[in-house]
Amino acid sequence: PEKIVAVYLLLGGLFNAAGRYLADRRMSNLWLQHIFTCLEILLVCFYFREILSGRRARQWLPVLAVVFAAGAALNSLFVQQLSVHNSYARSAAALLIVALCFYFFKTKLGSAFRWSREGSFWFVTGFLVYFSSSLFLFIMSNQTFGMMSTRQAWTLWNIHATMVLMMYLLFTAGFWYAARTR
């Protein structure tokens, strides 16, 4: 399962680098977020498919992932153009991922799961911290950024970057514990 998280990080890095490249040339990079949202939900759902036990979760997660990615793509094509933040799809993805995180923790309650020594605990905690803290930003991005000063927007994005960093630090612990339990 940690290989899926590694692919998620690699794709995130590539999309961020491409976004930075376009921004440095004063070109729109918002369309990259539309594509990344589709790929992100596929990867995260397939990660949860690997770590959740039970036949039902293994059956419905791939379907949910594909349906959601298709919905996000349709949102980009018909509702929120590629020139604006895809706040609907990002918000829905964040809600779905937070729900998956809570479902994971619910399934592990009362079991012999060694919380802090399992890589999956740290990966799921990283997803939960980032997506729950960024949900408001995703929901309000198109409305609030037009009303903010540049300084306020930078402050908000710096808070977002801090949440991303926290997710990455938790992922680091996840990789460390995953390597120790092999």
Protein backbone atom coordinates (compact mmCIF):
# COMPACT_ATOMS: atom_id res chain seq x y z
CA PRO A 1 0.00 0.00 0.00
CA GLU A 2 2.84 2.42 0.68
CA LYS A 3 3.77 2.24 -3.01
CA ILE A 4 0.44 3.91 -3.79
CA VAL A 5 1.30 6.73 -1.38
CA ALA A 6 4.71 7.04 -3.04
CA VAL A 7 3.04 7.37 -6.46
CA TYR A 8 0.66 9.95 -4.96
CA LEU A 9 3.64 11.97 -3.72
CA LEU A 10 5.49 11.63 -7.03
CA LEU A 11 2.45 12.81 -9.01
CA GLY A 12 1.91 15.67 -6.56
CA GLY A 13 5.52 16.72 -7.00
CA LEU A 14 5.30 16.59 -10.79
CA PHE A 15 2.08 18.59 -10.86
CA ASN A 16 3.48 21.15 -8.43
CA ALA A 17 6.63 21.52 -10.50
CA ALA A 18 4.57 21.93 -13.68
CA GLY A 19 2.33 24.46 -11.92
CA ARG A 20 5.33 26.43 -10.74
CA TYR A 21 6.83 26.36 -14.24
CA LEU A 22 3.62 27.76 -15.74
CA ALA A 23 3.18 30.36 -12.98
CA ASP A 24 6.75 31.60 -13.46
CA ARG A 25 5.85 32.23 -17.10
CA ARG A 26 2.60 34.00 -16.12
CA MET A 27 0.52 31.19 -17.64
CA SER A 28 -2.57 29.71 -16.04
CA ASN A 29 -1.90 26.53 -14.10
CA LEU A 30 -5.37 25.97 -12.66
CA TRP A 31 -6.14 23.31 -15.25
CA LEU A 32 -3.45 21.14 -13.67
CA GLN A 33 -5.45 21.03 -10.43
CA HIS A 34 -8.47 19.74 -12.35
CA ILE A 35 -6.44 16.83 -13.70
CA PHE A 36 -4.69 16.17 -10.40
CA THR A 37 -8.00 16.00 -8.53
CA CYS A 38 -9.14 13.12 -10.74
CA LEU A 39 -5.86 11.25 -10.31
CA GLU A 40 -5.70 12.02 -6.59
CA ILE A 41 -9.07 10.51 -5.79
CA LEU A 42 -8.25 7.40 -7.82
CA LEU A 43 -4.98 6.89 -5.95
CA VAL A 44 -6.40 7.60 -2.50
CA CYS A 45 -9.38 5.29 -3.04
CA PHE A 46 -7.09 2.51 -4.26
CA TYR A 47 -4.87 3.06 -1.23
CA PHE A 48 -7.87 2.62 1.07
CA ARG A 49 -8.91 -0.45 -0.93
CA GLU A 50 -5.56 -1.98 -0.02
CA ILE A 51 -5.66 -1.20 3.70
CA LEU A 52 -9.34 -1.79 4.47
CA SER A 53 -10.32 -5.32 5.21
CA GLY A 54 -13.64 -6.69 4.16
CA ARG A 55 -15.03 -7.76 0.85
CA ARG A 56 -17.50 -4.89 0.61
CA ALA A 57 -14.86 -2.16 0.83
CA ARG A 58 -12.70 -3.93 -1.72
CA GLN A 59 -15.66 -4.06 -4.11
CA TRP A 60 -17.13 -0.58 -3.76
CA LEU A 61 -13.98 1.52 -3.51
CA PRO A 62 -12.84 1.04 -7.14
CA VAL A 63 -16.36 1.84 -8.34
CA LEU A 64 -16.53 4.89 -6.08
CA ALA A 65 -13.12 6.05 -7.31
CA VAL A 66 -14.03 5.79 -10.99
CA VAL A 67 -17.47 7.38 -10.52
CA PHE A 68 -15.97 10.23 -8.54
CA ALA A 69 -13.14 10.82 -11.02
CA ALA A 70 -15.67 10.85 -13.86
CA GLY A 71 -17.81 13.33 -11.91
CA ALA A 72 -14.78 15.55 -11.32
CA ALA A 73 -13.95 15.42 -15.03
CA LEU A 74 -17.54 16.32 -15.95
CA ASN A 75 -17.41 19.19 -13.45
CA SER A 76 -14.30 20.48 -15.21
CA LEU A 77 -15.86 20.19 -18.63
CA PHE A 78 -19.33 21.57 -17.95
CA VAL A 79 -19.53 23.39 -14.61
CA GLN A 80 -16.22 24.90 -13.50
CA GLN A 81 -14.00 25.74 -16.42
CA LEU A 82 -10.30 24.98 -16.36
CA SER A 83 -9.58 28.66 -15.71
CA VAL A 84 -11.07 28.62 -12.16
CA HIS A 85 -10.36 26.60 -9.05
CA ASN A 86 -12.25 23.33 -9.18
CA SER A 87 -13.72 24.01 -5.77
CA TYR A 88 -16.68 21.64 -6.15
CA ALA A 89 -14.60 18.60 -7.04
CA ARG A 90 -11.83 19.44 -4.54
CA SER A 91 -14.37 19.91 -1.74
CA ALA A 92 -16.19 16.68 -2.57
CA ALA A 93 -12.87 14.83 -2.77
CA ALA A 94 -11.83 16.20 0.61
CA LEU A 95 -15.14 15.13 2.17
CA LEU A 96 -14.82 11.66 0.67
CA ILE A 97 -11.23 11.25 1.85
CA VAL A 98 -12.06 12.46 5.37
CA ALA A 99 -14.95 9.98 5.46
CA LEU A 100 -12.61 7.17 4.34
CA CYS A 101 -10.16 8.14 7.08
CA PHE A 102 -12.88 7.98 9.73
CA TYR A 103 -14.10 4.66 8.31
CA PHE A 104 -10.56 3.28 8.54
CA PHE A 105 -10.25 4.34 12.18
CA LYS A 106 -13.71 2.93 12.96
CA THR A 107 -12.75 -0.46 11.53
CA LYS A 108 -9.58 -0.53 13.61
CA LEU A 109 -11.20 0.39 16.95
CA GLY A 110 -11.19 -2.51 19.34
CA SER A 111 -8.87 -4.58 17.18
CA ALA A 112 -5.32 -5.66 17.86
CA PHE A 113 -4.15 -2.92 15.50
CA ARG A 114 -0.96 -1.35 16.86
CA TRP A 115 -1.84 2.23 16.06
CA SER A 116 1.42 4.11 16.27
CA ARG A 117 3.56 1.29 14.89
CA GLU A 118 1.65 0.77 11.65
CA GLY A 119 2.48 2.73 8.52
CA SER A 120 -1.17 2.87 7.51
CA PHE A 121 -2.04 4.74 10.73
CA TRP A 122 0.40 7.51 9.84
CA PHE A 123 -0.64 7.69 6.17
CA VAL A 124 -4.33 7.89 7.06
CA THR A 125 -3.62 10.47 9.76
CA GLY A 126 -1.71 12.54 7.18
CA PHE A 127 -4.66 12.40 4.77
CA LEU A 128 -7.05 13.30 7.59
CA VAL A 129 -5.01 16.27 8.81
CA TYR A 130 -4.54 17.73 5.34
CA PHE A 131 -7.96 17.19 3.82
CA SER A 132 -9.96 18.14 6.91
CA SER A 133 -7.94 21.33 7.41
CA SER A 134 -8.07 22.29 3.72
CA LEU A 135 -11.77 21.64 3.23
CA PHE A 136 -12.82 25.22 4.00
CA LEU A 137 -10.16 26.56 1.65
CA PHE A 138 -11.41 24.29 -1.13
CA ILE A 139 -15.05 25.23 -0.57
CA MET A 140 -14.44 28.96 -0.48
CA SER A 141 -11.54 29.32 -2.91
CA ASN A 142 -13.45 30.85 -5.82
CA GLN A 143 -15.48 33.17 -3.59
CA THR A 144 -12.84 34.40 -1.17
CA PHE A 145 -9.80 34.90 -3.34
CA GLY A 146 -11.51 37.57 -5.41
CA MET A 147 -12.22 39.59 -2.27
CA MET A 148 -8.78 39.25 -0.63
CA SER A 149 -5.73 41.37 -0.90
CA THR A 150 -2.64 39.69 -2.27
CA ARG A 151 -1.18 39.57 1.23
CA GLN A 152 -4.26 37.85 2.64
CA ALA A 153 -4.26 35.30 -0.17
CA TRP A 154 -0.57 34.57 0.43
CA THR A 155 -1.27 34.09 4.13
CA LEU A 156 -4.06 31.63 3.35
CA TRP A 157 -1.89 29.70 0.90
CA ASN A 158 0.94 29.61 3.46
CA ILE A 159 -1.45 28.04 5.95
CA HIS A 160 -2.37 25.53 3.25
CA ALA A 161 1.30 24.84 2.59
CA THR A 162 1.79 24.20 6.31
CA MET A 163 -0.98 21.59 6.22
CA VAL A 164 0.66 19.95 3.20
CA LEU A 165 3.95 19.87 5.11
CA MET A 166 2.23 18.26 8.09
CA MET A 167 0.79 15.60 5.79
CA TYR A 168 4.25 14.95 4.34
CA LEU A 169 5.78 14.65 7.81
CA LEU A 170 3.11 12.14 8.81
CA PHE A 171 3.74 10.25 5.57
CA THR A 172 7.44 10.16 6.47
CA ALA A 173 6.54 8.42 9.72
CA GLY A 174 4.30 6.09 7.73
CA PHE A 175 7.13 5.09 5.40
CA TRP A 176 9.45 4.61 8.36
CA TYR A 177 7.04 2.33 10.23
CA ALA A 178 6.06 0.47 7.05
CA ALA A 179 9.75 -0.32 6.41
CA ARG A 180 10.20 -1.53 10.00
CA THR A 181 7.23 -3.92 9.86
CA ARG A 182 8.28 -5.76 6.71
